[in-house]
Amino acid sequence: MDFSEKVTIVTGGALGIGGGISRKFAEKGSKIVIADIDLDSANINSKKIEDMGGKCEVIKTDVSKSKDIENMVKFTIEKYGRIDNLIQNAFSTGNFSEEFSGSAMKVSEEGWDKGIAMLQKAIFLGAKFAGKELIKNNGNIINISSVHGLLMSKNAIVYESGKSAVIGMTKQMACDFGPLGVRVNAICPGHIVTEKMEVRWKEMPKGLRFFEEQYPVRRTGVPEDIANGVAFLCSEEASFITGHSLVIDGGLSIQLQEDFGVDQAKYAQSHDVEFPY
């Protein structure tokens, strides 16, 4: 798998899943643009990439803003002259944000609009502004969804709706872009222990073990697990794959819920469990 001479934009590429994707593509030879609202963390990850021998540029980007995404695309073309891969990963918060958590009755209209702008509208805008360059280079769009786009969680109307929409948008965009030489796929990660989650789990290691027990492979994921999947989907080895949502979740979502619930109850009964929420 060789991405030499390729250029890859990673939104939310400073930390977590996006950070891992940025490093993986650099490792495979691609030039990287990290588009992130957190410039300090983006510069730290850029330095890691450069220390690996890679090339990386950073641009501050709020994916909820159309102008920022348009500037991201222009910046990449100015710096590197092309775009081959657009990895749409950024979402600044999640289910635990007070602004976005809750049912349709609790979440404010402003919170809904802000969350959906990041989760869904940003996917549309990225394709809109980068599309012409991707078509020139027979490129790829990878949209990061979640197992939360497949299975619903209570009190999370914004996140579940947004991640579900990403899967549908990926299929539709694959229909439009396929004849133009661009493949569009999605990734549905399970629980990934990012830098921020690692801090949380260090405070409650028994909670992490409880989470690990929920996965048939008996571990949670790390950013590299997702980065490997994204790299594959952008490679020539995946040239006949488009419109697909690749689930990378250690088997979490394949389990029959009745059996799964009983197994978890038995585990909790026999262990001193710390519940994360």
C-alpha atoms as a PDB file:
ATOM      1  CA  MET A   1       0.000   0.000   0.000  1.00  0.00           C
ATOM      2  CA  ASP A   2       1.773   3.092  -1.282  1.00  0.00           C
ATOM      3  CA  PHE A   3       0.342   6.631  -1.173  1.00  0.00           C
ATOM      4  CA  SER A   4       3.470   8.358  -2.458  1.00  0.00           C
ATOM      5  CA  GLU A   5       2.639  11.513  -4.442  1.00  0.00           C
ATOM      6  CA  LYS A   6      -0.881  11.487  -2.942  1.00  0.00           C
ATOM      7  CA  VAL A   7      -2.356  14.313  -0.873  1.00  0.00           C
ATOM      8  CA  THR A   8      -4.769  13.596   1.959  1.00  0.00           C
ATOM      9  CA  ILE A   9      -6.937  16.006   3.949  1.00  0.00           C
ATOM     10  CA  VAL A  10      -8.002  14.790   7.391  1.00  0.00           C
ATOM     11  CA  THR A  11     -10.616  16.892   9.168  1.00  0.00           C
ATOM     12  CA  GLY A  12     -10.258  16.551  12.908  1.00  0.00           C
ATOM     13  CA  GLY A  13      -6.784  15.207  12.189  1.00  0.00           C
ATOM     14  CA  ALA A  14      -5.092  16.458  15.345  1.00  0.00           C
ATOM     15  CA  LEU A  15      -6.102  13.840  17.893  1.00  0.00           C
ATOM     16  CA  GLY A  16      -7.922  10.570  18.323  1.00  0.00           C
ATOM     17  CA  ILE A  17      -9.133   8.697  15.262  1.00  0.00           C
ATOM     18  CA  GLY A  18      -8.225  11.594  12.972  1.00  0.00           C
ATOM     19  CA  GLY A  19      -4.768  11.843  14.474  1.00  0.00           C
ATOM     20  CA  GLY A  20      -4.178   8.157  13.866  1.00  0.00           C
ATOM     21  CA  ILE A  21      -5.400   8.441  10.264  1.00  0.00           C
ATOM     22  CA  SER A  22      -3.077  11.380   9.605  1.00  0.00           C
ATOM     23  CA  ARG A  23      -0.057   9.440  10.849  1.00  0.00           C
ATOM     24  CA  LYS A  24      -1.022   6.252   8.989  1.00  0.00           C
ATOM     25  CA  PHE A  25      -1.351   8.014   5.626  1.00  0.00           C
ATOM     26  CA  ALA A  26       1.927   9.857   6.198  1.00  0.00           C
ATOM     27  CA  GLU A  27       3.561   6.517   6.996  1.00  0.00           C
ATOM     28  CA  LYS A  28       2.324   5.263   3.619  1.00  0.00           C
ATOM     29  CA  GLY A  29       3.865   8.234   1.815  1.00  0.00           C
ATOM     30  CA  SER A  30       0.964  10.690   1.486  1.00  0.00           C
ATOM     31  CA  LYS A  31       1.349  14.400   2.078  1.00  0.00           C
ATOM     32  CA  ILE A  32      -1.077  15.442   4.832  1.00  0.00           C
ATOM     33  CA  VAL A  33      -3.250  18.440   5.583  1.00  0.00           C
ATOM     34  CA  ILE A  34      -4.629  18.435   9.113  1.00  0.00           C
ATOM     35  CA  ALA A  35      -7.761  20.569   9.256  1.00  0.00           C
ATOM     36  CA  ASP A  36      -8.714  21.032  12.883  1.00  0.00           C
ATOM     37  CA  ILE A  37     -10.149  23.630  15.215  1.00  0.00           C
ATOM     38  CA  ASP A  38      -7.491  22.742  17.830  1.00  0.00           C
ATOM     39  CA  LEU A  39      -4.352  24.281  16.343  1.00  0.00           C
ATOM     40  CA  ASP A  40      -2.059  23.396  19.253  1.00  0.00           C
ATOM     41  CA  SER A  41      -2.842  19.682  19.048  1.00  0.00           C
ATOM     42  CA  ALA A  42      -2.750  19.803  15.240  1.00  0.00           C
ATOM     43  CA  ASN A  43       0.756  21.273  15.306  1.00  0.00           C
ATOM     44  CA  ILE A  44       1.901  18.613  17.765  1.00  0.00           C
ATOM     45  CA  ASN A  45       0.623  15.854  15.481  1.00  0.00           C
ATOM     46  CA  SER A  46       2.159  17.592  12.467  1.00  0.00           C
ATOM     47  CA  LYS A  47       5.526  17.552  14.258  1.00  0.00           C
ATOM     48  CA  LYS A  48       5.138  13.811  14.860  1.00  0.00           C
ATOM     49  CA  ILE A  49       4.528  13.304  11.158  1.00  0.00           C
ATOM     50  CA  GLU A  50       7.515  15.416  10.183  1.00  0.00           C
ATOM     51  CA  ASP A  51       9.691  13.507  12.670  1.00  0.00           C
ATOM     52  CA  MET A  52       8.595  10.331  10.830  1.00  0.00           C
ATOM     53  CA  GLY A  53       9.918  11.874   7.621  1.00  0.00           C
ATOM     54  CA  GLY A  54       6.498  12.900   6.330  1.00  0.00           C
ATOM     55  CA  LYS A  55       5.121  16.174   5.035  1.00  0.00           C
ATOM     56  CA  CYS A  56       2.246  17.875   6.812  1.00  0.00           C
ATOM     57  CA  GLU A  57       0.479  21.226   6.753  1.00  0.00           C
ATOM     58  CA  VAL A  58      -2.037  22.511   9.289  1.00  0.00           C
ATOM     59  CA  ILE A  59      -5.023  24.806   8.841  1.00  0.00           C
ATOM     60  CA  LYS A  60      -7.474  25.899  11.504  1.00  0.00           C
ATOM     61  CA  THR A  61     -10.893  24.675  10.391  1.00  0.00           C
ATOM     62  CA  ASP A  62     -14.336  24.749  11.948  1.00  0.00           C
ATOM     63  CA  VAL A  63     -16.208  22.212   9.832  1.00  0.00           C
ATOM     64  CA  SER A  64     -19.548  23.737  10.769  1.00  0.00           C
ATOM     65  CA  LYS A  65     -18.597  26.811   8.710  1.00  0.00           C
ATOM     66  CA  SER A  66     -18.847  26.690   4.929  1.00  0.00           C
ATOM     67  CA  LYS A  67     -16.094  29.267   4.420  1.00  0.00           C
ATOM     68  CA  ASP A  68     -13.657  27.288   6.562  1.00  0.00           C
ATOM     69  CA  ILE A  69     -14.151  24.159   4.475  1.00  0.00           C
ATOM     70  CA  GLU A  70     -13.801  26.113   1.251  1.00  0.00           C
ATOM     71  CA  ASN A  71     -10.578  27.671   2.591  1.00  0.00           C
ATOM     72  CA  MET A  72      -9.324  24.223   3.630  1.00  0.00           C
ATOM     73  CA  VAL A  73      -9.627  23.012   0.039  1.00  0.00           C
ATOM     74  CA  LYS A  74      -7.999  26.154  -1.414  1.00  0.00           C
ATOM     75  CA  PHE A  75      -5.176  25.926   1.144  1.00  0.00           C
ATOM     76  CA  THR A  76      -4.453  22.307   0.209  1.00  0.00           C
ATOM     77  CA  ILE A  77      -4.300  23.078  -3.508  1.00  0.00           C
ATOM     78  CA  GLU A  78      -2.029  26.076  -2.867  1.00  0.00           C
ATOM     79  CA  LYS A  79       0.353  23.999  -0.716  1.00  0.00           C
ATOM     80  CA  TYR A  80       0.385  20.696  -2.608  1.00  0.00           C
ATOM     81  CA  GLY A  81      -1.338  21.278  -5.945  1.00  0.00           C
ATOM     82  CA  ARG A  82      -3.848  18.444  -5.676  1.00  0.00           C
ATOM     83  CA  ILE A  83      -6.232  16.457  -3.449  1.00  0.00           C
ATOM     84  CA  ASP A  84      -6.472  12.676  -3.617  1.00  0.00           C
ATOM     85  CA  ASN A  85      -8.187  11.669  -0.382  1.00  0.00           C
ATOM     86  CA  LEU A  86     -10.705  13.561   1.730  1.00  0.00           C
ATOM     87  CA  ILE A  87     -11.173  11.990   5.173  1.00  0.00           C
ATOM     88  CA  GLN A  88     -14.180  13.601   6.861  1.00  0.00           C
ATOM     89  CA  ASN A  89     -13.801  12.839  10.535  1.00  0.00           C
ATOM     90  CA  ALA A  90     -14.229  16.022  12.557  1.00  0.00           C
ATOM     91  CA  PHE A  91     -16.784  16.361  15.324  1.00  0.00           C
ATOM     92  CA  SER A  92     -15.635  18.468  18.241  1.00  0.00           C
ATOM     93  CA  THR A  93     -17.736  16.874  20.951  1.00  0.00           C
ATOM     94  CA  GLY A  94     -20.010  13.892  21.382  1.00  0.00           C
ATOM     95  CA  ASN A  95     -22.846  12.307  23.298  1.00  0.00           C
ATOM     96  CA  PHE A  96     -21.540  13.580  26.624  1.00  0.00           C
ATOM     97  CA  SER A  97     -21.799  17.251  25.671  1.00  0.00           C
ATOM     98  CA  GLU A  98     -24.688  18.906  27.450  1.00  0.00           C
ATOM     99  CA  GLU A  99     -25.381  20.943  24.325  1.00  0.00           C
ATOM    100  CA  PHE A 100     -26.041  17.894  22.169  1.00  0.00           C
ATOM    101  CA  SER A 101     -27.263  15.256  24.634  1.00  0.00           C
ATOM    102  CA  GLY A 102     -30.902  14.490  25.231  1.00  0.00           C
ATOM    103  CA  SER A 103     -34.080  13.628  23.394  1.00  0.00           C
ATOM    104  CA  ALA A 104     -35.902  15.747  20.826  1.00  0.00           C
ATOM    105  CA  MET A 105     -37.795  17.366  23.727  1.00  0.00           C
ATOM    106  CA  LYS A 106     -34.621  18.415  25.559  1.00  0.00           C
ATOM    107  CA  VAL A 107     -32.146  19.473  22.873  1.00  0.00           C
ATOM    108  CA  SER A 108     -32.505  23.105  21.831  1.00  0.00           C
ATOM    109  CA  GLU A 109     -33.054  24.029  18.204  1.00  0.00           C
ATOM    110  CA  GLU A 110     -29.718  25.848  18.313  1.00  0.00           C
ATOM    111  CA  GLY A 111     -27.985  22.728  19.657  1.00  0.00           C
ATOM    112  CA  TRP A 112     -29.589  20.603  16.957  1.00  0.00           C
ATOM    113  CA  ASP A 113     -28.508  22.987  14.189  1.00  0.00           C
ATOM    114  CA  LYS A 114     -24.958  23.244  15.508  1.00  0.00           C
ATOM    115  CA  GLY A 115     -24.526  19.500  15.944  1.00  0.00           C
ATOM    116  CA  ILE A 116     -26.003  18.578  12.570  1.00  0.00           C
ATOM    117  CA  ALA A 117     -23.849  21.248  10.909  1.00  0.00           C
ATOM    118  CA  MET A 118     -20.746  19.421  12.148  1.00  0.00           C
ATOM    119  CA  LEU A 119     -21.995  15.872  11.745  1.00  0.00           C
ATOM    120  CA  GLN A 120     -23.896  16.046   8.465  1.00  0.00           C
ATOM    121  CA  LYS A 121     -23.662  19.382   6.678  1.00  0.00           C
ATOM    122  CA  ALA A 122     -19.852  19.286   6.869  1.00  0.00           C
ATOM    123  CA  ILE A 123     -19.881  16.015   4.902  1.00  0.00           C
ATOM    124  CA  PHE A 124     -21.901  17.701   2.150  1.00  0.00           C
ATOM    125  CA  LEU A 125     -19.665  20.781   2.111  1.00  0.00           C
ATOM    126  CA  GLY A 126     -16.450  18.762   1.971  1.00  0.00           C
ATOM    127  CA  ALA A 127     -17.662  16.873  -1.091  1.00  0.00           C
ATOM    128  CA  LYS A 128     -18.999  20.064  -2.636  1.00  0.00           C
ATOM    129  CA  PHE A 129     -15.753  22.026  -2.408  1.00  0.00           C
ATOM    130  CA  ALA A 130     -13.224  19.195  -2.908  1.00  0.00           C
ATOM    131  CA  GLY A 131     -15.214  17.292  -5.531  1.00  0.00           C
ATOM    132  CA  LYS A 132     -13.609  18.776  -8.644  1.00  0.00           C
ATOM    133  CA  GLU A 133     -10.077  18.067  -7.430  1.00  0.00           C
ATOM    134  CA  LEU A 134     -10.990  14.536  -6.365  1.00  0.00           C
ATOM    135  CA  ILE A 135     -12.498  13.870  -9.803  1.00  0.00           C
ATOM    136  CA  LYS A 136      -9.280  15.055 -11.479  1.00  0.00           C
ATOM    137  CA  ASN A 137      -7.267  12.528  -9.480  1.00  0.00           C
ATOM    138  CA  ASN A 138      -9.705   9.580  -9.237  1.00  0.00           C
ATOM    139  CA  GLY A 139      -9.708  10.153  -5.518  1.00  0.00           C
ATOM    140  CA  ASN A 140     -11.549   8.949  -2.457  1.00  0.00           C
ATOM    141  CA  ILE A 141     -13.932  10.314   0.135  1.00  0.00           C
ATOM    142  CA  ILE A 142     -14.087   8.531   3.471  1.00  0.00           C
ATOM    143  CA  ASN A 143     -16.807   9.636   5.883  1.00  0.00           C
ATOM    144  CA  ILE A 144     -16.425   8.604   9.518  1.00  0.00           C
ATOM    145  CA  SER A 145     -19.740   7.406  10.901  1.00  0.00           C
ATOM    146  CA  SER A 146     -20.061   5.145  13.967  1.00  0.00           C
ATOM    147  CA  VAL A 147     -21.783   2.080  15.334  1.00  0.00           C
ATOM    148  CA  HIS A 148     -24.116   4.820  16.576  1.00  0.00           C
ATOM    149  CA  GLY A 149     -25.189   5.167  12.968  1.00  0.00           C
ATOM    150  CA  LEU A 150     -26.344   1.542  13.040  1.00  0.00           C
ATOM    151  CA  LEU A 151     -27.596   1.066  16.603  1.00  0.00           C
ATOM    152  CA  MET A 152     -29.352   3.786  18.542  1.00  0.00           C
ATOM    153  CA  SER A 153     -28.557   5.085  22.014  1.00  0.00           C
ATOM    154  CA  LYS A 154     -31.122   6.855  24.189  1.00  0.00           C
ATOM    155  CA  ASN A 155     -30.894  10.580  24.889  1.00  0.00           C
ATOM    156  CA  ALA A 156     -28.632  11.225  21.908  1.00  0.00           C
ATOM    157  CA  ILE A 157     -30.921  12.550  19.175  1.00  0.00           C
ATOM    158  CA  VAL A 158     -28.222  14.763  17.615  1.00  0.00           C
ATOM    159  CA  TYR A 159     -25.337  12.290  17.470  1.00  0.00           C
ATOM    160  CA  GLU A 160     -27.388   9.255  16.448  1.00  0.00           C
ATOM    161  CA  SER A 161     -29.223  11.218  13.751  1.00  0.00           C
ATOM    162  CA  GLY A 162     -26.018  12.710  12.399  1.00  0.00           C
ATOM    163  CA  LYS A 163     -24.070   9.463  12.291  1.00  0.00           C
ATOM    164  CA  SER A 164     -27.020   7.660  10.676  1.00  0.00           C
ATOM    165  CA  ALA A 165     -27.183  10.378   8.032  1.00  0.00           C
ATOM    166  CA  VAL A 166     -23.498   9.912   7.236  1.00  0.00           C
ATOM    167  CA  ILE A 167     -24.192   6.321   6.162  1.00  0.00           C
ATOM    168  CA  GLY A 168     -27.033   7.378   3.883  1.00  0.00           C
ATOM    169  CA  MET A 169     -25.039  10.254   2.429  1.00  0.00           C
ATOM    170  CA  THR A 170     -22.141   7.930   1.720  1.00  0.00           C
ATOM    171  CA  LYS A 171     -24.351   5.628  -0.328  1.00  0.00           C
ATOM    172  CA  GLN A 172     -25.926   8.499  -2.250  1.00  0.00           C
ATOM    173  CA  MET A 173     -22.613  10.221  -2.921  1.00  0.00           C
ATOM    174  CA  ALA A 174     -21.159   6.941  -4.174  1.00  0.00           C
ATOM    175  CA  CYS A 175     -23.896   6.875  -6.832  1.00  0.00           C
ATOM    176  CA  ASP A 176     -23.072  10.415  -7.963  1.00  0.00           C
ATOM    177  CA  PHE A 177     -19.278  10.255  -7.764  1.00  0.00           C
ATOM    178  CA  GLY A 178     -18.691   6.677  -8.953  1.00  0.00           C
ATOM    179  CA  PRO A 179     -19.165   7.405 -12.669  1.00  0.00           C
ATOM    180  CA  LEU A 180     -16.758  10.335 -12.236  1.00  0.00           C
ATOM    181  CA  GLY A 181     -13.974   8.126 -10.889  1.00  0.00           C
ATOM    182  CA  VAL A 182     -14.297   8.875  -7.175  1.00  0.00           C
ATOM    183  CA  ARG A 183     -15.120   6.204  -4.611  1.00  0.00           C
ATOM    184  CA  VAL A 184     -17.040   7.151  -1.451  1.00  0.00           C
ATOM    185  CA  ASN A 185     -17.060   4.912   1.616  1.00  0.00           C
ATOM    186  CA  ALA A 186     -17.693   5.179   5.348  1.00  0.00           C
ATOM    187  CA  ILE A 187     -16.259   3.704   8.523  1.00  0.00           C
ATOM    188  CA  CYS A 188     -18.345   2.769  11.573  1.00  0.00           C
ATOM    189  CA  PRO A 189     -15.991   2.546  14.565  1.00  0.00           C
ATOM    190  CA  GLY A 190     -16.849   0.935  17.853  1.00  0.00           C
ATOM    191  CA  HIS A 191     -15.409   2.238  21.125  1.00  0.00           C
ATOM    192  CA  ILE A 192     -11.976   3.682  20.386  1.00  0.00           C
ATOM    193  CA  VAL A 193      -9.636   4.581  23.215  1.00  0.00           C
ATOM    194  CA  THR A 194      -8.305   7.950  22.096  1.00  0.00           C
ATOM    195  CA  GLU A 195      -5.999  10.238  24.055  1.00  0.00           C
ATOM    196  CA  LYS A 196      -8.959  11.826  25.835  1.00  0.00           C
ATOM    197  CA  MET A 197     -10.641   8.488  26.555  1.00  0.00           C
ATOM    198  CA  GLU A 198      -7.361   7.056  27.848  1.00  0.00           C
ATOM    199  CA  VAL A 199      -7.313   9.710  30.564  1.00  0.00           C
ATOM    200  CA  ARG A 200     -10.877   8.820  31.519  1.00  0.00           C
ATOM    201  CA  TRP A 201     -10.239   5.081  31.640  1.00  0.00           C
ATOM    202  CA  LYS A 202      -7.109   5.476  33.766  1.00  0.00           C
ATOM    203  CA  GLU A 203      -9.413   6.896  36.420  1.00  0.00           C
ATOM    204  CA  MET A 204     -11.696   3.850  36.234  1.00  0.00           C
ATOM    205  CA  PRO A 205      -9.785   0.806  34.915  1.00  0.00           C
ATOM    206  CA  LYS A 206     -12.546  -1.565  36.009  1.00  0.00           C
ATOM    207  CA  GLY A 207     -14.928   0.343  33.779  1.00  0.00           C
ATOM    208  CA  LEU A 208     -12.628  -0.223  30.817  1.00  0.00           C
ATOM    209  CA  ARG A 209     -12.472  -3.940  31.565  1.00  0.00           C
ATOM    210  CA  PHE A 210     -16.275  -3.979  31.615  1.00  0.00           C
ATOM    211  CA  PHE A 211     -16.310  -2.304  28.203  1.00  0.00           C
ATOM    212  CA  GLU A 212     -13.760  -4.782  26.864  1.00  0.00           C
ATOM    213  CA  GLU A 213     -15.975  -7.633  28.007  1.00  0.00           C
ATOM    214  CA  GLN A 214     -18.706  -6.347  25.674  1.00  0.00           C
ATOM    215  CA  TYR A 215     -16.564  -7.061  22.609  1.00  0.00           C
ATOM    216  CA  PRO A 216     -16.171 -10.602  21.203  1.00  0.00           C
ATOM    217  CA  VAL A 217     -12.464  -9.887  20.622  1.00  0.00           C
ATOM    218  CA  ARG A 218     -12.273  -8.855  24.322  1.00  0.00           C
ATOM    219  CA  ARG A 219     -10.664  -5.489  23.740  1.00  0.00           C
ATOM    220  CA  THR A 220     -11.721  -2.015  22.723  1.00  0.00           C
ATOM    221  CA  GLY A 221     -10.223  -0.274  19.707  1.00  0.00           C
ATOM    222  CA  VAL A 222      -7.340   2.118  19.203  1.00  0.00           C
ATOM    223  CA  PRO A 223      -7.033   4.828  16.517  1.00  0.00           C
ATOM    224  CA  GLU A 224      -4.738   2.656  14.397  1.00  0.00           C
ATOM    225  CA  ASP A 225      -7.537   0.089  14.016  1.00  0.00           C
ATOM    226  CA  ILE A 226      -9.619   2.705  12.231  1.00  0.00           C
ATOM    227  CA  ALA A 227      -6.665   4.170  10.335  1.00  0.00           C
ATOM    228  CA  ASN A 228      -5.893   0.730   8.878  1.00  0.00           C
ATOM    229  CA  GLY A 229      -9.448   0.441   7.570  1.00  0.00           C
ATOM    230  CA  VAL A 230      -9.411   3.922   6.066  1.00  0.00           C
ATOM    231  CA  ALA A 231      -6.084   3.266   4.355  1.00  0.00           C
ATOM    232  CA  PHE A 232      -7.415   0.042   2.863  1.00  0.00           C
ATOM    233  CA  LEU A 233     -10.525   1.731   1.473  1.00  0.00           C
ATOM    234  CA  CYS A 234      -8.361   4.401  -0.186  1.00  0.00           C
ATOM    235  CA  SER A 235      -6.006   1.850  -1.699  1.00  0.00           C
ATOM    236  CA  GLU A 236      -6.050   0.121  -5.082  1.00  0.00           C
ATOM    237  CA  GLU A 237      -6.865  -3.104  -3.256  1.00  0.00           C
ATOM    238  CA  ALA A 238     -10.334  -1.618  -2.594  1.00  0.00           C
ATOM    239  CA  SER A 239     -10.909  -0.307  -6.138  1.00  0.00           C
ATOM    240  CA  PHE A 240     -14.186  -2.265  -6.496  1.00  0.00           C
ATOM    241  CA  ILE A 241     -15.623  -1.018  -3.194  1.00  0.00           C
ATOM    242  CA  THR A 242     -17.836   2.067  -3.007  1.00  0.00           C
ATOM    243  CA  GLY A 243     -20.896   3.104  -1.030  1.00  0.00           C
ATOM    244  CA  HIS A 244     -19.867   0.704   1.714  1.00  0.00           C
ATOM    245  CA  SER A 245     -19.908   1.335   5.452  1.00  0.00           C
ATOM    246  CA  LEU A 246     -17.104  -0.726   6.959  1.00  0.00           C
ATOM    247  CA  VAL A 247     -17.857  -1.655  10.560  1.00  0.00           C
ATOM    248  CA  ILE A 248     -14.699  -1.789  12.679  1.00  0.00           C
ATOM    249  CA  ASP A 249     -16.021  -2.603  16.116  1.00  0.00           C
ATOM    250  CA  GLY A 250     -14.457  -5.840  17.330  1.00  0.00           C
ATOM    251  CA  GLY A 251     -17.778  -7.619  16.819  1.00  0.00           C
ATOM    252  CA  LEU A 252     -19.776  -5.390  19.187  1.00  0.00           C
ATOM    253  CA  SER A 253     -22.740  -4.918  16.855  1.00  0.00           C
ATOM    254  CA  ILE A 254     -23.131  -8.528  15.666  1.00  0.00           C
ATOM    255  CA  GLN A 255     -24.362  -9.908  18.978  1.00  0.00           C
ATOM    256  CA  LEU A 256     -27.913 -11.030  19.770  1.00  0.00           C
ATOM    257  CA  GLN A 257     -29.080  -8.528  22.364  1.00  0.00           C
ATOM    258  CA  GLU A 258     -30.862 -11.014  24.650  1.00  0.00           C
ATOM    259  CA  ASP A 259     -27.716 -13.114  25.038  1.00  0.00           C
ATOM    260  CA  PHE A 260     -25.517 -10.049  25.260  1.00  0.00           C
ATOM    261  CA  GLY A 261     -27.601  -8.542  28.065  1.00  0.00           C
ATOM    262  CA  VAL A 262     -27.527 -11.714  30.128  1.00  0.00           C
ATOM    263  CA  ASP A 263     -23.768 -12.105  29.671  1.00  0.00           C
ATOM    264  CA  GLN A 264     -23.184  -8.531  30.799  1.00  0.00           C
ATOM    265  CA  ALA A 265     -25.419  -8.952  33.849  1.00  0.00           C
ATOM    266  CA  LYS A 266     -23.516 -12.093  34.854  1.00  0.00           C
ATOM    267  CA  TYR A 267     -20.206 -10.309  34.438  1.00  0.00           C
ATOM    268  CA  ALA A 268     -21.379  -7.382  36.565  1.00  0.00           C
ATOM    269  CA  GLN A 269     -22.620  -9.732  39.280  1.00  0.00           C
ATOM    270  CA  SER A 270     -19.293 -11.537  39.523  1.00  0.00           C
ATOM    271  CA  HIS A 271     -16.980  -8.518  39.264  1.00  0.00           C
ATOM    272  CA  ASP A 272     -16.525  -5.233  41.060  1.00  0.00           C
ATOM    273  CA  VAL A 273     -17.598  -3.072  38.114  1.00  0.00           C
ATOM    274  CA  GLU A 274     -17.160   0.680  37.729  1.00  0.00           C
ATOM    275  CA  PHE A 275     -19.827   1.992  35.371  1.00  0.00           C
ATOM    276  CA  PRO A 276     -18.704   4.915  33.169  1.00  0.00           C
ATOM    277  CA  TYR A 277     -22.219   6.391  33.020  1.00  0.00           C
END
